[in-house]
N, C-alpha and C. Protein backbone atom coordinates (compact mmCIF):
# COMPACT_ATOMS: atom_id res chain seq x y z
N MET A 1 52.72 20.59 2.28
CA MET A 1 53.14 21.34 1.10
C MET A 1 52.24 22.55 0.90
N GLU A 2 52.80 23.69 0.59
CA GLU A 2 52.03 24.90 0.45
C GLU A 2 50.98 24.80 -0.64
N GLU A 3 51.34 24.15 -1.75
CA GLU A 3 50.45 24.11 -2.89
C GLU A 3 49.22 23.24 -2.65
N MET A 4 49.19 22.48 -1.53
CA MET A 4 48.07 21.60 -1.26
C MET A 4 47.18 22.13 -0.15
N HIS A 5 47.24 23.45 0.14
CA HIS A 5 46.49 23.97 1.27
C HIS A 5 44.99 23.85 1.08
N TYR A 6 44.50 23.77 -0.15
CA TYR A 6 43.06 23.70 -0.37
C TYR A 6 42.55 22.27 -0.52
N PHE A 7 43.40 21.28 -0.39
CA PHE A 7 42.93 19.89 -0.29
C PHE A 7 42.41 19.66 1.12
N LYS A 8 41.35 18.88 1.24
CA LYS A 8 40.76 18.60 2.54
C LYS A 8 41.04 17.14 2.92
N GLU A 9 41.42 16.93 4.16
CA GLU A 9 41.72 15.58 4.62
C GLU A 9 40.44 14.75 4.70
N SER A 10 40.47 13.57 4.07
CA SER A 10 39.29 12.71 4.05
C SER A 10 39.51 11.39 4.79
N GLN A 11 40.75 11.07 5.12
CA GLN A 11 41.04 9.81 5.83
C GLN A 11 42.42 9.91 6.45
N ARG A 12 42.57 9.36 7.65
CA ARG A 12 43.87 9.27 8.32
C ARG A 12 43.89 7.98 9.12
N GLU A 13 44.92 7.18 8.93
CA GLU A 13 45.01 5.90 9.65
C GLU A 13 46.47 5.60 9.94
N GLU A 14 46.75 5.24 11.17
CA GLU A 14 48.12 4.87 11.54
C GLU A 14 48.53 3.59 10.83
N ILE A 15 49.76 3.56 10.34
CA ILE A 15 50.26 2.35 9.69
C ILE A 15 51.53 1.88 10.41
N PRO A 16 51.78 0.57 10.44
CA PRO A 16 52.93 0.04 11.16
C PRO A 16 54.24 0.33 10.44
N VAL A 17 55.30 0.36 11.21
CA VAL A 17 56.63 0.64 10.69
C VAL A 17 57.36 -0.67 10.46
N PRO A 18 57.84 -0.93 9.23
CA PRO A 18 58.57 -2.19 8.98
C PRO A 18 59.94 -2.17 9.64
N ASP A 19 60.45 -3.34 9.93
CA ASP A 19 61.78 -3.49 10.52
C ASP A 19 62.79 -3.44 9.39
N PHE A 20 63.23 -2.22 9.05
CA PHE A 20 64.10 -2.02 7.89
C PHE A 20 65.37 -1.31 8.34
N LYS A 21 66.52 -1.96 8.12
CA LYS A 21 67.79 -1.39 8.59
C LYS A 21 68.81 -1.24 7.46
N ASP A 22 68.42 -1.52 6.22
CA ASP A 22 69.36 -1.42 5.11
C ASP A 22 69.63 0.05 4.76
N ASN A 23 70.68 0.26 3.96
CA ASN A 23 70.98 1.60 3.49
C ASN A 23 69.91 2.09 2.53
N ILE A 24 69.63 3.37 2.58
CA ILE A 24 68.63 3.97 1.69
C ILE A 24 69.37 4.51 0.48
N THR A 25 69.26 3.81 -0.63
CA THR A 25 70.02 4.15 -1.83
C THR A 25 69.09 4.31 -3.03
N ARG A 26 69.65 4.79 -4.12
CA ARG A 26 68.86 4.90 -5.36
C ARG A 26 68.42 3.52 -5.84
N LYS A 27 69.20 2.51 -5.54
CA LYS A 27 68.81 1.16 -5.94
C LYS A 27 67.52 0.75 -5.23
N LEU A 28 67.38 1.12 -3.95
CA LEU A 28 66.15 0.82 -3.22
C LEU A 28 64.98 1.57 -3.84
N LEU A 29 65.20 2.82 -4.25
CA LEU A 29 64.14 3.59 -4.90
C LEU A 29 63.73 2.93 -6.21
N LEU A 30 64.70 2.47 -7.00
CA LEU A 30 64.38 1.79 -8.26
C LEU A 30 63.68 0.46 -7.99
N GLN A 31 64.06 -0.22 -6.91
CA GLN A 31 63.40 -1.47 -6.54
C GLN A 31 61.92 -1.22 -6.24
N PHE A 32 61.65 -0.14 -5.51
CA PHE A 32 60.26 0.25 -5.24
C PHE A 32 59.50 0.50 -6.53
N LEU A 33 60.12 1.20 -7.46
CA LEU A 33 59.45 1.51 -8.73
C LEU A 33 59.23 0.26 -9.57
N CYS A 34 60.19 -0.66 -9.54
CA CYS A 34 60.00 -1.93 -10.26
C CYS A 34 58.82 -2.71 -9.69
N ASP A 35 58.73 -2.76 -8.37
CA ASP A 35 57.61 -3.45 -7.75
C ASP A 35 56.29 -2.75 -8.07
N LEU A 36 56.33 -1.44 -8.16
CA LEU A 36 55.13 -0.69 -8.51
C LEU A 36 54.70 -1.00 -9.94
N CYS A 37 55.67 -1.16 -10.84
CA CYS A 37 55.36 -1.55 -12.23
C CYS A 37 54.69 -2.93 -12.27
N THR A 38 55.22 -3.86 -11.47
CA THR A 38 54.62 -5.20 -11.42
C THR A 38 53.19 -5.13 -10.89
N TRP A 39 52.99 -4.36 -9.85
CA TRP A 39 51.68 -4.22 -9.22
C TRP A 39 50.67 -3.57 -10.16
N ALA A 40 51.11 -2.54 -10.86
CA ALA A 40 50.21 -1.82 -11.77
C ALA A 40 50.11 -2.47 -13.14
N GLN A 41 51.03 -3.40 -13.44
CA GLN A 41 51.10 -4.00 -14.76
C GLN A 41 51.17 -2.91 -15.84
N ALA A 42 52.04 -1.94 -15.60
CA ALA A 42 52.15 -0.78 -16.49
C ALA A 42 53.58 -0.27 -16.49
N THR A 43 53.94 0.41 -17.58
CA THR A 43 55.25 1.05 -17.70
C THR A 43 55.07 2.55 -17.53
N PRO A 44 55.83 3.20 -16.66
CA PRO A 44 55.59 4.61 -16.38
C PRO A 44 56.28 5.55 -17.37
N VAL A 45 55.84 6.79 -17.36
CA VAL A 45 56.56 7.88 -18.01
C VAL A 45 57.00 8.84 -16.92
N THR A 46 58.15 9.48 -17.11
CA THR A 46 58.73 10.33 -16.06
C THR A 46 58.97 11.73 -16.58
N SER A 47 58.96 12.68 -15.66
CA SER A 47 59.24 14.07 -16.00
C SER A 47 59.72 14.80 -14.76
N VAL A 48 60.75 15.63 -14.90
CA VAL A 48 61.21 16.47 -13.81
C VAL A 48 60.32 17.71 -13.76
N GLY A 49 60.05 18.20 -12.56
CA GLY A 49 59.25 19.40 -12.40
C GLY A 49 59.91 20.62 -13.01
N ILE A 50 59.14 21.70 -13.09
CA ILE A 50 59.64 22.92 -13.71
C ILE A 50 59.77 24.04 -12.69
N LYS A 51 60.69 24.96 -12.97
CA LYS A 51 60.92 26.16 -12.16
C LYS A 51 61.17 25.78 -10.70
N LYS A 52 60.33 26.29 -9.78
CA LYS A 52 60.56 26.05 -8.36
C LYS A 52 60.37 24.58 -7.98
N ASP A 53 59.76 23.82 -8.87
CA ASP A 53 59.50 22.40 -8.60
C ASP A 53 60.55 21.49 -9.25
N ALA A 54 61.68 22.07 -9.68
CA ALA A 54 62.68 21.30 -10.41
C ALA A 54 63.37 20.25 -9.56
N HIS A 55 63.19 20.30 -8.25
CA HIS A 55 63.78 19.28 -7.38
C HIS A 55 62.87 18.05 -7.27
N SER A 56 61.73 18.07 -7.93
CA SER A 56 60.77 16.97 -7.85
C SER A 56 60.74 16.18 -9.15
N LEU A 57 60.49 14.89 -9.01
CA LEU A 57 60.35 14.00 -10.17
C LEU A 57 58.94 13.44 -10.16
N TYR A 58 58.28 13.46 -11.31
CA TYR A 58 56.93 12.93 -11.45
C TYR A 58 56.97 11.65 -12.29
N ILE A 59 56.32 10.61 -11.78
CA ILE A 59 56.29 9.32 -12.46
C ILE A 59 54.83 8.91 -12.61
N LEU A 60 54.38 8.78 -13.84
CA LEU A 60 52.98 8.57 -14.14
C LEU A 60 52.70 7.16 -14.66
N PHE A 61 51.76 6.48 -14.01
CA PHE A 61 51.25 5.18 -14.46
C PHE A 61 49.82 5.40 -14.94
N ARG A 62 49.56 5.15 -16.21
CA ARG A 62 48.25 5.42 -16.78
C ARG A 62 47.35 4.18 -16.74
N ASN A 63 46.05 4.46 -16.73
CA ASN A 63 45.03 3.46 -17.08
C ASN A 63 45.05 2.17 -16.26
N PHE A 64 44.98 2.29 -14.96
CA PHE A 64 44.67 1.14 -14.13
C PHE A 64 43.96 1.66 -12.89
N ALA A 65 43.25 0.80 -12.22
CA ALA A 65 42.48 1.21 -11.05
C ALA A 65 42.97 0.47 -9.82
N PHE A 66 42.90 1.13 -8.67
CA PHE A 66 43.35 0.51 -7.43
C PHE A 66 42.59 1.13 -6.26
N SER A 67 42.67 0.48 -5.12
CA SER A 67 42.06 1.03 -3.91
C SER A 67 43.16 1.57 -3.00
N GLU A 68 42.80 2.54 -2.19
CA GLU A 68 43.75 3.13 -1.26
C GLU A 68 44.30 2.07 -0.30
N GLN A 69 43.42 1.20 0.19
CA GLN A 69 43.84 0.16 1.13
C GLN A 69 44.89 -0.75 0.51
N ASP A 70 44.67 -1.16 -0.74
CA ASP A 70 45.66 -1.99 -1.44
C ASP A 70 47.01 -1.29 -1.51
N PHE A 71 46.98 0.00 -1.86
CA PHE A 71 48.24 0.71 -2.04
C PHE A 71 49.03 0.77 -0.73
N TRP A 72 48.38 1.17 0.36
CA TRP A 72 49.11 1.31 1.62
C TRP A 72 49.58 -0.03 2.16
N GLN A 73 48.77 -1.07 2.00
CA GLN A 73 49.19 -2.39 2.45
C GLN A 73 50.41 -2.88 1.68
N THR A 74 50.46 -2.54 0.40
CA THR A 74 51.52 -3.05 -0.46
C THR A 74 52.78 -2.20 -0.41
N PHE A 75 52.64 -0.88 -0.32
CA PHE A 75 53.79 0.01 -0.48
C PHE A 75 54.05 0.94 0.70
N GLY A 76 53.24 0.85 1.74
CA GLY A 76 53.47 1.73 2.89
C GLY A 76 54.86 1.58 3.47
N GLY A 77 55.35 0.33 3.55
CA GLY A 77 56.69 0.10 4.09
C GLY A 77 57.78 0.76 3.27
N TYR A 78 57.62 0.72 1.94
CA TYR A 78 58.59 1.39 1.06
C TYR A 78 58.62 2.90 1.34
N LEU A 79 57.44 3.52 1.42
CA LEU A 79 57.39 4.96 1.59
C LEU A 79 58.02 5.39 2.92
N ILE A 80 57.82 4.57 3.96
CA ILE A 80 58.45 4.86 5.25
C ILE A 80 59.97 4.72 5.15
N ALA A 81 60.44 3.63 4.52
CA ALA A 81 61.88 3.38 4.41
C ALA A 81 62.58 4.46 3.58
N LEU A 82 61.93 4.92 2.52
CA LEU A 82 62.54 5.89 1.62
C LEU A 82 62.43 7.33 2.12
N ARG A 83 61.56 7.59 3.07
CA ARG A 83 61.24 8.95 3.49
C ARG A 83 62.44 9.79 3.92
N PRO A 84 63.45 9.24 4.61
CA PRO A 84 64.58 10.08 4.99
C PRO A 84 65.28 10.75 3.82
N LYS A 85 65.22 10.15 2.63
CA LYS A 85 65.86 10.74 1.46
C LYS A 85 64.87 11.27 0.43
N TRP A 86 63.74 10.60 0.29
CA TRP A 86 62.76 10.99 -0.73
C TRP A 86 61.36 10.97 -0.14
N LYS A 87 60.72 12.12 -0.08
CA LYS A 87 59.32 12.18 0.32
C LYS A 87 58.47 11.96 -0.93
N ILE A 88 57.55 11.02 -0.83
CA ILE A 88 56.78 10.59 -2.00
C ILE A 88 55.30 10.84 -1.76
N GLY A 89 54.67 11.57 -2.68
CA GLY A 89 53.23 11.77 -2.66
C GLY A 89 52.62 11.04 -3.84
N ILE A 90 51.39 10.59 -3.67
CA ILE A 90 50.70 9.81 -4.70
C ILE A 90 49.42 10.54 -5.08
N PHE A 91 49.18 10.67 -6.37
CA PHE A 91 48.01 11.40 -6.85
C PHE A 91 47.29 10.57 -7.91
N GLY A 92 45.98 10.65 -7.89
CA GLY A 92 45.16 9.94 -8.87
C GLY A 92 43.83 10.64 -9.03
N ILE A 93 42.90 9.98 -9.70
CA ILE A 93 41.58 10.53 -9.97
C ILE A 93 40.52 9.56 -9.43
N GLU A 94 39.59 10.06 -8.64
CA GLU A 94 38.49 9.24 -8.14
C GLU A 94 37.63 8.80 -9.30
N LEU A 95 37.23 7.53 -9.31
CA LEU A 95 36.61 6.93 -10.48
C LEU A 95 35.31 7.62 -10.91
N SER A 96 34.43 7.93 -9.96
CA SER A 96 33.12 8.46 -10.35
C SER A 96 33.10 9.98 -10.44
N SER A 97 33.66 10.67 -9.44
CA SER A 97 33.60 12.14 -9.43
C SER A 97 34.68 12.79 -10.27
N GLN A 98 35.75 12.04 -10.57
CA GLN A 98 36.87 12.54 -11.36
C GLN A 98 37.65 13.66 -10.65
N GLU A 99 37.51 13.74 -9.32
CA GLU A 99 38.30 14.75 -8.60
C GLU A 99 39.66 14.17 -8.24
N THR A 100 40.62 15.06 -8.03
CA THR A 100 41.97 14.64 -7.69
C THR A 100 42.04 14.11 -6.27
N VAL A 101 42.77 12.99 -6.11
CA VAL A 101 42.98 12.36 -4.81
C VAL A 101 44.47 12.36 -4.51
N ALA A 102 44.83 12.73 -3.29
CA ALA A 102 46.22 12.69 -2.86
C ALA A 102 46.37 11.70 -1.71
N LEU A 103 47.36 10.81 -1.80
CA LEU A 103 47.71 9.90 -0.73
C LEU A 103 49.09 10.31 -0.21
N LEU A 104 49.17 10.64 1.07
CA LEU A 104 50.38 11.20 1.63
C LEU A 104 50.77 10.45 2.91
N LEU A 105 52.07 10.41 3.17
CA LEU A 105 52.58 9.82 4.40
C LEU A 105 52.90 10.94 5.37
N ASP A 106 52.34 10.86 6.58
CA ASP A 106 52.58 11.89 7.59
C ASP A 106 53.23 11.24 8.81
N GLN A 107 54.17 11.96 9.41
CA GLN A 107 54.87 11.46 10.60
C GLN A 107 54.65 12.41 11.76
N GLN A 108 54.18 11.88 12.87
CA GLN A 108 53.95 12.69 14.07
C GLN A 108 54.30 11.87 15.30
N ASN A 109 55.17 12.43 16.12
CA ASN A 109 55.55 11.78 17.39
C ASN A 109 56.02 10.34 17.21
N GLY A 110 56.81 10.13 16.16
CA GLY A 110 57.38 8.81 15.92
C GLY A 110 56.43 7.82 15.28
N LYS A 111 55.20 8.23 14.99
CA LYS A 111 54.23 7.36 14.34
C LYS A 111 53.98 7.82 12.91
N PHE A 112 53.62 6.87 12.04
CA PHE A 112 53.34 7.18 10.65
C PHE A 112 51.86 6.99 10.35
N TYR A 113 51.34 7.90 9.53
CA TYR A 113 49.92 7.87 9.19
C TYR A 113 49.74 7.91 7.68
N ALA A 114 48.85 7.05 7.19
CA ALA A 114 48.43 7.10 5.79
C ALA A 114 47.30 8.10 5.70
N VAL A 115 47.51 9.16 4.93
CA VAL A 115 46.55 10.26 4.85
C VAL A 115 46.02 10.37 3.43
N GLN A 116 44.71 10.49 3.31
CA GLN A 116 44.09 10.78 2.02
C GLN A 116 43.51 12.19 2.04
N LYS A 117 43.72 12.92 0.95
CA LYS A 117 43.13 14.25 0.81
C LYS A 117 42.45 14.34 -0.55
N THR A 118 41.31 15.03 -0.57
CA THR A 118 40.60 15.28 -1.82
C THR A 118 40.18 16.75 -1.84
N ILE A 119 39.74 17.21 -3.01
CA ILE A 119 39.28 18.59 -3.13
C ILE A 119 38.01 18.80 -2.29
N SER A 120 37.10 17.83 -2.34
CA SER A 120 35.81 17.97 -1.66
C SER A 120 35.86 17.58 -0.20
N GLY A 121 36.85 16.77 0.19
CA GLY A 121 36.89 16.22 1.53
C GLY A 121 36.17 14.90 1.66
N ARG A 122 35.57 14.41 0.56
CA ARG A 122 34.90 13.11 0.58
C ARG A 122 35.92 12.00 0.35
N TYR A 123 35.75 10.89 1.06
CA TYR A 123 36.68 9.76 0.95
C TYR A 123 36.55 9.10 -0.41
N ALA A 124 37.68 8.76 -1.01
CA ALA A 124 37.71 8.06 -2.30
C ALA A 124 38.31 6.68 -2.10
N ASP A 125 37.53 5.65 -2.36
CA ASP A 125 38.02 4.28 -2.20
C ASP A 125 38.68 3.77 -3.47
N SER A 126 38.08 4.05 -4.63
CA SER A 126 38.61 3.58 -5.91
C SER A 126 39.27 4.73 -6.65
N ILE A 127 40.50 4.51 -7.04
CA ILE A 127 41.31 5.56 -7.66
C ILE A 127 41.81 5.06 -9.01
N ARG A 128 41.81 5.94 -9.99
CA ARG A 128 42.24 5.56 -11.34
C ARG A 128 43.53 6.28 -11.70
N SER A 129 44.45 5.52 -12.26
CA SER A 129 45.78 5.99 -12.64
C SER A 129 46.53 6.50 -11.41
N LEU A 130 47.83 6.67 -11.57
CA LEU A 130 48.65 6.99 -10.41
C LEU A 130 49.84 7.84 -10.85
N CYS A 131 50.05 8.93 -10.13
CA CYS A 131 51.22 9.78 -10.38
C CYS A 131 51.99 9.94 -9.08
N LEU A 132 53.26 9.54 -9.10
CA LEU A 132 54.13 9.75 -7.96
C LEU A 132 54.80 11.11 -8.07
N ARG A 133 54.84 11.81 -6.97
CA ARG A 133 55.68 13.01 -6.87
C ARG A 133 56.79 12.69 -5.88
N ILE A 134 58.02 12.59 -6.38
CA ILE A 134 59.17 12.26 -5.54
C ILE A 134 59.96 13.54 -5.29
N GLU A 135 59.97 13.99 -4.05
CA GLU A 135 60.71 15.20 -3.69
C GLU A 135 62.15 14.81 -3.38
N CYS A 136 63.07 15.30 -4.21
CA CYS A 136 64.49 14.99 -4.06
C CYS A 136 65.19 16.10 -3.28
N ALA A 137 66.42 15.81 -2.85
CA ALA A 137 67.17 16.77 -2.05
C ALA A 137 67.50 18.03 -2.83
N ASN A 138 67.72 17.88 -4.15
CA ASN A 138 68.08 19.01 -4.98
C ASN A 138 67.79 18.67 -6.44
N THR A 139 68.01 19.63 -7.33
CA THR A 139 67.72 19.42 -8.75
C THR A 139 68.64 18.38 -9.36
N GLU A 140 69.89 18.27 -8.85
CA GLU A 140 70.82 17.30 -9.40
C GLU A 140 70.35 15.87 -9.11
N ASP A 141 69.87 15.63 -7.91
CA ASP A 141 69.37 14.30 -7.57
C ASP A 141 68.13 13.97 -8.39
N ALA A 142 67.24 14.94 -8.56
CA ALA A 142 66.04 14.72 -9.37
C ALA A 142 66.41 14.36 -10.80
N ALA A 143 67.39 15.08 -11.37
CA ALA A 143 67.83 14.80 -12.74
C ALA A 143 68.48 13.43 -12.84
N MET A 144 69.24 13.02 -11.80
CA MET A 144 69.92 11.73 -11.83
C MET A 144 68.92 10.58 -11.74
N VAL A 145 67.95 10.70 -10.83
CA VAL A 145 66.93 9.65 -10.71
C VAL A 145 66.13 9.56 -12.01
N ASN A 146 65.83 10.70 -12.60
CA ASN A 146 65.12 10.70 -13.88
C ASN A 146 65.94 10.01 -14.97
N LEU A 147 67.24 10.26 -14.98
CA LEU A 147 68.13 9.62 -15.96
C LEU A 147 68.13 8.10 -15.79
N LEU A 148 68.21 7.64 -14.54
CA LEU A 148 68.18 6.21 -14.28
C LEU A 148 66.86 5.60 -14.74
N CYS A 149 65.76 6.30 -14.49
CA CYS A 149 64.45 5.81 -14.92
C CYS A 149 64.36 5.72 -16.44
N GLN A 150 64.97 6.68 -17.13
CA GLN A 150 64.94 6.69 -18.59
C GLN A 150 65.70 5.49 -19.17
N HIS A 151 66.69 4.98 -18.43
CA HIS A 151 67.50 3.86 -18.90
C HIS A 151 67.13 2.54 -18.23
N MET A 152 65.95 2.51 -17.64
CA MET A 152 65.50 1.33 -16.91
C MET A 152 64.61 0.46 -17.78
N ASP A 153 64.92 -0.83 -17.80
CA ASP A 153 64.00 -1.81 -18.38
C ASP A 153 63.17 -2.33 -17.22
N TRP A 154 61.95 -1.81 -17.08
CA TRP A 154 61.15 -2.10 -15.90
C TRP A 154 60.74 -3.56 -15.82
N GLN A 155 60.63 -4.22 -16.95
CA GLN A 155 60.20 -5.62 -16.94
C GLN A 155 61.28 -6.54 -16.40
N SER A 156 62.52 -6.29 -16.82
CA SER A 156 63.62 -7.16 -16.40
C SER A 156 64.31 -6.66 -15.13
N GLY A 157 64.09 -5.38 -14.78
CA GLY A 157 64.78 -4.82 -13.63
C GLY A 157 66.22 -4.48 -13.91
N ILE A 158 66.56 -4.23 -15.18
CA ILE A 158 67.94 -3.91 -15.56
C ILE A 158 68.04 -2.45 -15.96
N CYS A 159 69.02 -1.76 -15.39
CA CYS A 159 69.29 -0.36 -15.73
C CYS A 159 70.61 -0.29 -16.47
N ALA A 160 70.64 0.43 -17.60
CA ALA A 160 71.82 0.48 -18.45
C ALA A 160 72.85 1.48 -17.94
N ARG A 161 72.62 2.08 -16.81
CA ARG A 161 73.58 3.02 -16.23
C ARG A 161 73.91 2.65 -14.79
N HIS A 162 75.09 3.10 -14.36
CA HIS A 162 75.48 2.92 -12.97
C HIS A 162 74.66 3.89 -12.12
N LEU A 163 74.58 3.63 -10.84
CA LEU A 163 73.77 4.48 -9.97
C LEU A 163 74.28 5.92 -9.89
N ASN A 164 75.55 6.16 -10.28
CA ASN A 164 76.05 7.53 -10.30
C ASN A 164 75.84 8.18 -11.67
N GLY A 165 75.19 7.46 -12.59
CA GLY A 165 74.86 8.03 -13.89
C GLY A 165 75.81 7.64 -15.01
N SER A 166 76.97 7.07 -14.68
CA SER A 166 77.93 6.73 -15.72
C SER A 166 77.54 5.42 -16.40
N THR A 167 78.12 5.20 -17.57
CA THR A 167 77.89 3.95 -18.29
C THR A 167 79.12 3.05 -18.26
N SER A 168 80.17 3.48 -17.55
CA SER A 168 81.44 2.75 -17.59
C SER A 168 81.38 1.42 -16.86
N HIS A 169 80.39 1.24 -16.00
CA HIS A 169 80.31 0.01 -15.22
C HIS A 169 79.28 -0.96 -15.78
N GLY A 170 78.85 -0.75 -17.00
CA GLY A 170 77.87 -1.64 -17.58
C GLY A 170 76.48 -1.36 -17.02
N TYR A 171 75.77 -2.42 -16.68
CA TYR A 171 74.41 -2.24 -16.20
C TYR A 171 74.28 -2.73 -14.76
N ILE A 172 73.22 -2.32 -14.11
CA ILE A 172 72.91 -2.83 -12.79
C ILE A 172 71.59 -3.59 -12.86
N ARG A 173 71.45 -4.54 -11.99
CA ARG A 173 70.20 -5.30 -11.92
C ARG A 173 69.49 -4.95 -10.62
N VAL A 174 68.22 -4.60 -10.78
CA VAL A 174 67.39 -4.29 -9.62
C VAL A 174 66.37 -5.42 -9.50
N PRO A 175 66.60 -6.40 -8.62
CA PRO A 175 65.70 -7.55 -8.57
C PRO A 175 64.31 -7.18 -8.13
N ALA A 176 63.33 -7.77 -8.78
CA ALA A 176 61.95 -7.60 -8.34
C ALA A 176 61.75 -8.36 -7.04
N THR A 177 61.24 -7.71 -6.03
CA THR A 177 61.10 -8.34 -4.72
C THR A 177 59.68 -8.78 -4.44
N VAL A 178 58.75 -8.46 -5.33
CA VAL A 178 57.32 -8.68 -5.07
C VAL A 178 56.98 -8.13 -3.68
N MET A 179 57.31 -6.84 -3.52
CA MET A 179 57.01 -6.12 -2.29
C MET A 179 57.73 -6.73 -1.09
N GLY A 180 58.96 -7.18 -1.32
CA GLY A 180 59.67 -7.92 -0.29
C GLY A 180 60.12 -7.10 0.90
N ILE A 181 60.12 -5.78 0.81
CA ILE A 181 60.56 -4.96 1.94
C ILE A 181 59.59 -5.06 3.11
N CYS A 182 58.32 -5.30 2.82
CA CYS A 182 57.29 -5.33 3.85
C CYS A 182 57.12 -6.74 4.40
N GLN A 183 56.71 -6.82 5.61
CA GLN A 183 56.40 -8.10 6.22
C GLN A 183 54.96 -8.06 6.72
N LYS A 184 54.42 -9.23 6.97
CA LYS A 184 53.07 -9.28 7.53
C LYS A 184 53.10 -8.75 8.96
N ILE A 185 52.35 -7.70 9.18
CA ILE A 185 52.35 -7.03 10.48
C ILE A 185 50.92 -6.93 10.97
N ARG A 186 50.70 -7.18 12.24
CA ARG A 186 49.36 -7.07 12.79
C ARG A 186 49.33 -5.92 13.79
N ASN A 187 48.23 -5.16 13.75
CA ASN A 187 47.97 -4.24 14.84
C ASN A 187 46.55 -4.47 15.32
N SER A 188 46.06 -3.60 16.16
CA SER A 188 44.77 -3.86 16.81
C SER A 188 43.60 -3.75 15.86
N ARG A 189 43.80 -3.10 14.68
CA ARG A 189 42.66 -2.88 13.79
C ARG A 189 42.75 -3.64 12.48
N THR A 190 43.96 -3.78 11.95
CA THR A 190 44.08 -4.26 10.58
C THR A 190 45.21 -5.26 10.46
N THR A 191 45.06 -6.25 9.62
CA THR A 191 46.17 -7.11 9.22
C THR A 191 46.78 -6.53 7.96
N TRP A 192 48.03 -6.10 8.05
CA TRP A 192 48.71 -5.51 6.91
C TRP A 192 49.56 -6.58 6.24
N MET A 193 49.31 -6.82 4.99
CA MET A 193 50.05 -7.84 4.26
C MET A 193 50.41 -7.30 2.87
N CYS A 194 51.63 -7.55 2.45
CA CYS A 194 52.05 -7.09 1.15
C CYS A 194 51.77 -8.16 0.11
N TYR A 195 51.10 -7.77 -0.96
CA TYR A 195 50.79 -8.73 -2.01
C TYR A 195 50.55 -7.99 -3.31
N PRO A 196 50.84 -8.61 -4.45
CA PRO A 196 50.59 -7.95 -5.72
C PRO A 196 49.09 -7.85 -5.96
N SER A 197 48.65 -6.70 -6.45
CA SER A 197 47.23 -6.54 -6.78
C SER A 197 47.03 -6.76 -8.26
N ARG A 198 45.96 -7.43 -8.62
CA ARG A 198 45.64 -7.64 -10.03
C ARG A 198 44.41 -6.84 -10.43
N ARG A 199 44.01 -5.90 -9.55
CA ARG A 199 42.83 -5.10 -9.84
C ARG A 199 43.21 -3.96 -10.78
N ARG A 200 42.62 -3.91 -11.93
CA ARG A 200 42.94 -2.85 -12.87
C ARG A 200 41.75 -2.60 -13.78
N SER A 201 41.77 -1.48 -14.44
CA SER A 201 40.67 -1.11 -15.31
C SER A 201 41.03 -1.41 -16.74
N ASP A 202 40.17 -2.12 -17.45
CA ASP A 202 40.36 -2.40 -18.87
C ASP A 202 39.25 -1.78 -19.69
N SER A 203 38.74 -0.65 -19.23
CA SER A 203 37.58 -0.04 -19.85
C SER A 203 37.90 0.58 -21.20
N GLY A 204 39.17 0.85 -21.48
CA GLY A 204 39.53 1.45 -22.76
C GLY A 204 39.28 2.94 -22.81
N CYS A 205 38.89 3.54 -21.69
CA CYS A 205 38.66 4.98 -21.69
C CYS A 205 39.99 5.72 -21.84
N ASN A 206 39.95 6.93 -22.36
CA ASN A 206 41.15 7.74 -22.48
C ASN A 206 41.68 8.07 -21.09
N SER A 207 42.99 8.10 -20.93
CA SER A 207 43.58 8.40 -19.63
C SER A 207 43.34 9.86 -19.28
N TRP A 208 43.25 10.11 -17.97
CA TRP A 208 43.09 11.50 -17.53
C TRP A 208 44.34 12.29 -17.84
N LYS A 209 44.17 13.59 -17.97
CA LYS A 209 45.28 14.44 -18.40
C LYS A 209 46.14 14.84 -17.20
N MET A 210 47.44 14.75 -17.39
CA MET A 210 48.36 15.08 -16.33
C MET A 210 48.23 16.53 -15.91
N GLU A 211 47.82 17.40 -16.83
CA GLU A 211 47.70 18.81 -16.50
C GLU A 211 46.72 19.05 -15.36
N LEU A 212 45.68 18.19 -15.22
CA LEU A 212 44.71 18.34 -14.14
C LEU A 212 45.40 18.19 -12.79
N ILE A 213 46.24 17.16 -12.68
CA ILE A 213 46.99 16.96 -11.44
C ILE A 213 47.87 18.17 -11.18
N MET A 214 48.58 18.63 -12.19
CA MET A 214 49.54 19.70 -11.98
C MET A 214 48.86 21.00 -11.61
N ARG A 215 47.70 21.28 -12.20
CA ARG A 215 46.98 22.49 -11.83
C ARG A 215 46.56 22.42 -10.36
N ASN A 216 46.11 21.26 -9.93
CA ASN A 216 45.71 21.12 -8.53
C ASN A 216 46.91 21.22 -7.59
N LEU A 217 48.08 20.86 -8.08
CA LEU A 217 49.28 20.92 -7.25
C LEU A 217 49.79 22.35 -7.12
N HIS A 218 50.06 23.00 -8.23
CA HIS A 218 50.63 24.34 -8.13
C HIS A 218 50.28 25.22 -9.32
N GLY A 219 49.15 24.97 -9.97
CA GLY A 219 48.65 25.89 -10.97
C GLY A 219 49.46 25.95 -12.24
N SER A 220 50.33 24.99 -12.48
CA SER A 220 51.13 25.01 -13.70
C SER A 220 51.01 23.69 -14.41
N MET A 221 51.67 23.59 -15.56
CA MET A 221 51.63 22.37 -16.36
C MET A 221 53.03 21.81 -16.47
N THR A 222 53.10 20.51 -16.67
CA THR A 222 54.40 19.85 -16.81
C THR A 222 54.51 19.19 -18.17
N GLY A 223 55.70 18.70 -18.46
CA GLY A 223 55.97 18.22 -19.81
C GLY A 223 55.87 16.73 -19.99
N PHE A 224 54.85 16.10 -19.46
CA PHE A 224 54.70 14.68 -19.71
C PHE A 224 54.36 14.43 -21.16
N PRO A 225 55.00 13.46 -21.79
CA PRO A 225 54.63 13.11 -23.16
C PRO A 225 53.25 12.49 -23.19
N HIS A 226 52.43 12.86 -24.17
CA HIS A 226 51.11 12.27 -24.32
C HIS A 226 51.21 11.11 -25.30
N ARG A 227 50.39 10.13 -25.06
CA ARG A 227 50.38 8.97 -25.95
C ARG A 227 49.63 9.35 -27.22
N SER A 228 50.14 8.87 -28.32
CA SER A 228 49.51 9.16 -29.58
C SER A 228 48.34 8.23 -29.81
């Protein structure tokens, strides 16, 4: 991405590809988000990007802590499966330095790599809060996914709208899979296993401001609602 040219790569590691042959649909995207809510034990807020970024959707989970290794082990398979339709970047704040951290999926020669980038180039193991940037095919898709998220009961996995945005078909149920898309996979270096993480921060500190992420992305601000 052009707006990330001044981020420095701090980590790159090949990750295994899950055996996934199902259709890539909005329901799968919502399933990923439901599992992410379970993992983070948090309810997200969503916002569509502005101006040239209107094809992107931002989903913010506040006030919890996680490690990069946990995230890729738990959700790497989802990001690979969803990539043909939605490229997803993950942003957070390093716990001690408070600098922005980006977790990105890179594909080269048929292989996938979990990439971390930071402003300083120093590796960040512990990350606080999480913002997804979902790059959609166009502004209409971004608006539709945002609409579905707005009508989603993340705890029950029930959406009050049909996947095409209408309400005429009642509701849809997105079952929580507890990271079911991924399987236990071994490679020469790491055992990758999907499991819910219970690591979170209960420090009571104020959440970091979304504007910091947005300035680092493209020098602008977005319209995330702030908690009162």
